[in-house]
Amino acid sequence: MPASATTLKTTPLEECLAALNGELPAVTREHVRVTVKEFLAAGDTDGERVRTAPIRLSLFADRLRVEGIMHRASNSLLPESIAIKRRGLDLVQQLADRWGIVEGEPPGYWFELDRRE
């Protein structure tokens, strides 16, 4: 795989995961699914938005990067250490190799999963 990323167009989660079926092991696809849902739930997103919220997946030789929007106006985002507890992002902390929240209206999120052989 080249050093540059293969970026899928921004689409709903399940469409992105289906497109990566042959590229990533099932356990990695499930980690993506669970992590995206945790971010969306932290943003108080309703069930329909969880299913249809657009995300962007970028596949690199060594990692997978996921970016999305939480679909909720934030008050002020808390420091990451507090956000883990207050927003229920402890599962994100366990599954993602790196992650963060992007300030804005609405706030966004990103996370990366290392590709392991």
C-alpha atoms as a PDB file:
ATOM      1  CA  MET A   1       0.000   0.000   0.000  1.00  0.00           C
ATOM      2  CA  PRO A   2       1.418   3.461  -0.827  1.00  0.00           C
ATOM      3  CA  ALA A   3       2.539   5.857   1.899  1.00  0.00           C
ATOM      4  CA  SER A   4      -0.319   8.212   1.092  1.00  0.00           C
ATOM      5  CA  ALA A   5      -3.810   7.633   2.404  1.00  0.00           C
ATOM      6  CA  THR A   6      -6.728   6.089   0.632  1.00  0.00           C
ATOM      7  CA  THR A   7      -9.615   8.309   1.722  1.00  0.00           C
ATOM      8  CA  LEU A   8     -13.167   7.170   1.263  1.00  0.00           C
ATOM      9  CA  LYS A   9     -15.702   9.841   0.499  1.00  0.00           C
ATOM     10  CA  THR A  10     -17.563  11.000   3.564  1.00  0.00           C
ATOM     11  CA  THR A  11     -20.431   8.558   4.010  1.00  0.00           C
ATOM     12  CA  PRO A  12     -22.429   6.916   6.801  1.00  0.00           C
ATOM     13  CA  LEU A  13     -20.514   4.543   9.047  1.00  0.00           C
ATOM     14  CA  GLU A  14     -21.840   1.222   7.762  1.00  0.00           C
ATOM     15  CA  GLU A  15     -21.162   2.164   4.122  1.00  0.00           C
ATOM     16  CA  CYS A  16     -17.567   3.038   4.984  1.00  0.00           C
ATOM     17  CA  LEU A  17     -17.069  -0.185   6.896  1.00  0.00           C
ATOM     18  CA  ALA A  18     -18.547  -2.261   4.076  1.00  0.00           C
ATOM     19  CA  ALA A  19     -16.105  -0.634   1.640  1.00  0.00           C
ATOM     20  CA  LEU A  20     -13.204  -1.671   3.912  1.00  0.00           C
ATOM     21  CA  ASN A  21     -14.361  -5.266   4.291  1.00  0.00           C
ATOM     22  CA  GLY A  22     -11.341  -6.727   2.494  1.00  0.00           C
ATOM     23  CA  GLU A  23      -8.848  -4.165   3.819  1.00  0.00           C
ATOM     24  CA  LEU A  24      -9.312  -4.505   7.581  1.00  0.00           C
ATOM     25  CA  PRO A  25      -9.905  -7.447   9.906  1.00  0.00           C
ATOM     26  CA  ALA A  26     -13.374  -7.812  11.391  1.00  0.00           C
ATOM     27  CA  VAL A  27     -12.149  -6.891  14.878  1.00  0.00           C
ATOM     28  CA  THR A  28     -10.741  -3.567  13.607  1.00  0.00           C
ATOM     29  CA  ARG A  29     -13.991  -2.763  11.779  1.00  0.00           C
ATOM     30  CA  GLU A  30     -15.882  -3.472  15.031  1.00  0.00           C
ATOM     31  CA  HIS A  31     -13.527  -1.168  16.980  1.00  0.00           C
ATOM     32  CA  VAL A  32     -14.286   1.581  14.442  1.00  0.00           C
ATOM     33  CA  ARG A  33     -18.038   0.974  14.769  1.00  0.00           C
ATOM     34  CA  VAL A  34     -17.996   1.065  18.583  1.00  0.00           C
ATOM     35  CA  THR A  35     -15.689   4.095  18.774  1.00  0.00           C
ATOM     36  CA  VAL A  36     -17.769   6.178  16.337  1.00  0.00           C
ATOM     37  CA  LYS A  37     -20.937   5.321  18.251  1.00  0.00           C
ATOM     38  CA  GLU A  38     -19.303   6.362  21.535  1.00  0.00           C
ATOM     39  CA  PHE A  39     -18.368   9.764  20.111  1.00  0.00           C
ATOM     40  CA  LEU A  40     -21.849  10.274  18.701  1.00  0.00           C
ATOM     41  CA  ALA A  41     -23.486   9.210  21.962  1.00  0.00           C
ATOM     42  CA  ALA A  42     -21.218  11.646  23.827  1.00  0.00           C
ATOM     43  CA  GLY A  43     -22.640  14.348  21.584  1.00  0.00           C
ATOM     44  CA  ASP A  44     -26.195  13.409  22.606  1.00  0.00           C
ATOM     45  CA  THR A  45     -26.940  12.390  19.047  1.00  0.00           C
ATOM     46  CA  ASP A  46     -30.220  10.603  18.449  1.00  0.00           C
ATOM     47  CA  GLY A  47     -30.324   7.077  17.045  1.00  0.00           C
ATOM     48  CA  GLU A  48     -31.044   8.099  13.466  1.00  0.00           C
ATOM     49  CA  ARG A  49     -28.032  10.388  13.332  1.00  0.00           C
ATOM     50  CA  VAL A  50     -25.839   7.609  14.702  1.00  0.00           C
ATOM     51  CA  ARG A  51     -26.827   5.514  11.668  1.00  0.00           C
ATOM     52  CA  THR A  52     -26.536   8.299   9.088  1.00  0.00           C
ATOM     53  CA  ALA A  53     -23.857  10.667  10.454  1.00  0.00           C
ATOM     54  CA  PRO A  54     -21.186  11.146   7.788  1.00  0.00           C
ATOM     55  CA  ILE A  55     -17.644  10.156   8.645  1.00  0.00           C
ATOM     56  CA  ARG A  56     -14.372  10.199   6.750  1.00  0.00           C
ATOM     57  CA  LEU A  57     -12.053   7.196   6.844  1.00  0.00           C
ATOM     58  CA  SER A  58      -8.453   7.515   5.685  1.00  0.00           C
ATOM     59  CA  LEU A  59      -6.516   4.299   5.335  1.00  0.00           C
ATOM     60  CA  PHE A  60      -2.718   4.526   5.599  1.00  0.00           C
ATOM     61  CA  ALA A  61      -0.196   1.704   5.443  1.00  0.00           C
ATOM     62  CA  ASP A  62       0.257   1.885   9.229  1.00  0.00           C
ATOM     63  CA  ARG A  63      -3.047   3.247  10.542  1.00  0.00           C
ATOM     64  CA  LEU A  64      -6.699   4.064   9.976  1.00  0.00           C
ATOM     65  CA  ARG A  65      -7.904   7.602  10.719  1.00  0.00           C
ATOM     66  CA  VAL A  66     -11.580   8.402  11.304  1.00  0.00           C
ATOM     67  CA  GLU A  67     -13.020  11.938  11.440  1.00  0.00           C
ATOM     68  CA  GLY A  68     -16.560  13.047  12.169  1.00  0.00           C
ATOM     69  CA  ILE A  69     -18.862  15.640  13.689  1.00  0.00           C
ATOM     70  CA  MET A  70     -20.671  15.197  16.996  1.00  0.00           C
ATOM     71  CA  HIS A  71     -23.792  17.073  15.787  1.00  0.00           C
ATOM     72  CA  ARG A  72     -24.257  19.087  18.930  1.00  0.00           C
ATOM     73  CA  ALA A  73     -23.342  22.605  19.876  1.00  0.00           C
ATOM     74  CA  SER A  74     -20.937  22.453  22.773  1.00  0.00           C
ATOM     75  CA  ASN A  75     -20.862  24.591  25.869  1.00  0.00           C
ATOM     76  CA  SER A  76     -17.151  24.638  26.305  1.00  0.00           C
ATOM     77  CA  LEU A  77     -15.244  21.467  25.729  1.00  0.00           C
ATOM     78  CA  LEU A  78     -13.559  20.090  28.788  1.00  0.00           C
ATOM     79  CA  PRO A  79      -9.895  19.204  29.006  1.00  0.00           C
ATOM     80  CA  GLU A  80      -9.339  15.714  27.629  1.00  0.00           C
ATOM     81  CA  SER A  81      -8.724  14.046  31.016  1.00  0.00           C
ATOM     82  CA  ILE A  82     -12.040  15.332  32.379  1.00  0.00           C
ATOM     83  CA  ALA A  83     -13.858  14.713  29.101  1.00  0.00           C
ATOM     84  CA  ILE A  84     -13.054  11.013  29.312  1.00  0.00           C
ATOM     85  CA  LYS A  85     -15.048  10.719  32.534  1.00  0.00           C
ATOM     86  CA  ARG A  86     -17.779  13.315  31.890  1.00  0.00           C
ATOM     87  CA  ARG A  87     -18.599  12.303  28.340  1.00  0.00           C
ATOM     88  CA  GLY A  88     -18.281   8.560  28.771  1.00  0.00           C
ATOM     89  CA  LEU A  89     -15.324   8.383  26.412  1.00  0.00           C
ATOM     90  CA  ASP A  90     -13.416   5.852  28.491  1.00  0.00           C
ATOM     91  CA  LEU A  91     -14.209   3.178  25.877  1.00  0.00           C
ATOM     92  CA  VAL A  92     -12.722   5.442  23.203  1.00  0.00           C
ATOM     93  CA  GLN A  93      -9.617   5.766  25.357  1.00  0.00           C
ATOM     94  CA  GLN A  94      -9.315   1.969  25.487  1.00  0.00           C
ATOM     95  CA  LEU A  95      -9.942   1.240  21.802  1.00  0.00           C
ATOM     96  CA  ALA A  96      -8.223   4.099  19.965  1.00  0.00           C
ATOM     97  CA  ASP A  97      -4.470   4.456  19.747  1.00  0.00           C
ATOM     98  CA  ARG A  98      -4.855   8.250  19.445  1.00  0.00           C
ATOM     99  CA  TRP A  99      -7.928  10.487  19.570  1.00  0.00           C
ATOM    100  CA  GLY A 100      -9.110  14.001  20.122  1.00  0.00           C
ATOM    101  CA  ILE A 101     -12.006  16.440  20.043  1.00  0.00           C
ATOM    102  CA  VAL A 102     -12.027  19.332  17.584  1.00  0.00           C
ATOM    103  CA  GLU A 103     -13.538  22.506  18.999  1.00  0.00           C
ATOM    104  CA  GLY A 104     -16.172  24.181  16.892  1.00  0.00           C
ATOM    105  CA  GLU A 105     -19.886  24.419  16.371  1.00  0.00           C
ATOM    106  CA  PRO A 106     -20.698  21.592  16.237  1.00  0.00           C
ATOM    107  CA  PRO A 107     -17.639  19.916  17.733  1.00  0.00           C
ATOM    108  CA  GLY A 108     -15.846  17.213  15.788  1.00  0.00           C
ATOM    109  CA  TYR A 109     -13.796  14.222  16.725  1.00  0.00           C
ATOM    110  CA  TRP A 110     -11.013  12.121  15.284  1.00  0.00           C
ATOM    111  CA  PHE A 111      -9.306   8.896  16.228  1.00  0.00           C
ATOM    112  CA  GLU A 112      -6.693   6.570  14.839  1.00  0.00           C
ATOM    113  CA  LEU A 113      -6.271   2.817  15.066  1.00  0.00           C
ATOM    114  CA  ASP A 114      -2.871   1.331  14.277  1.00  0.00           C
ATOM    115  CA  ARG A 115      -2.939  -1.398  11.652  1.00  0.00           C
ATOM    116  CA  ARG A 116      -1.504  -4.523  13.171  1.00  0.00           C
ATOM    117  CA  GLU A 117      -0.551  -7.640  11.282  1.00  0.00           C
END
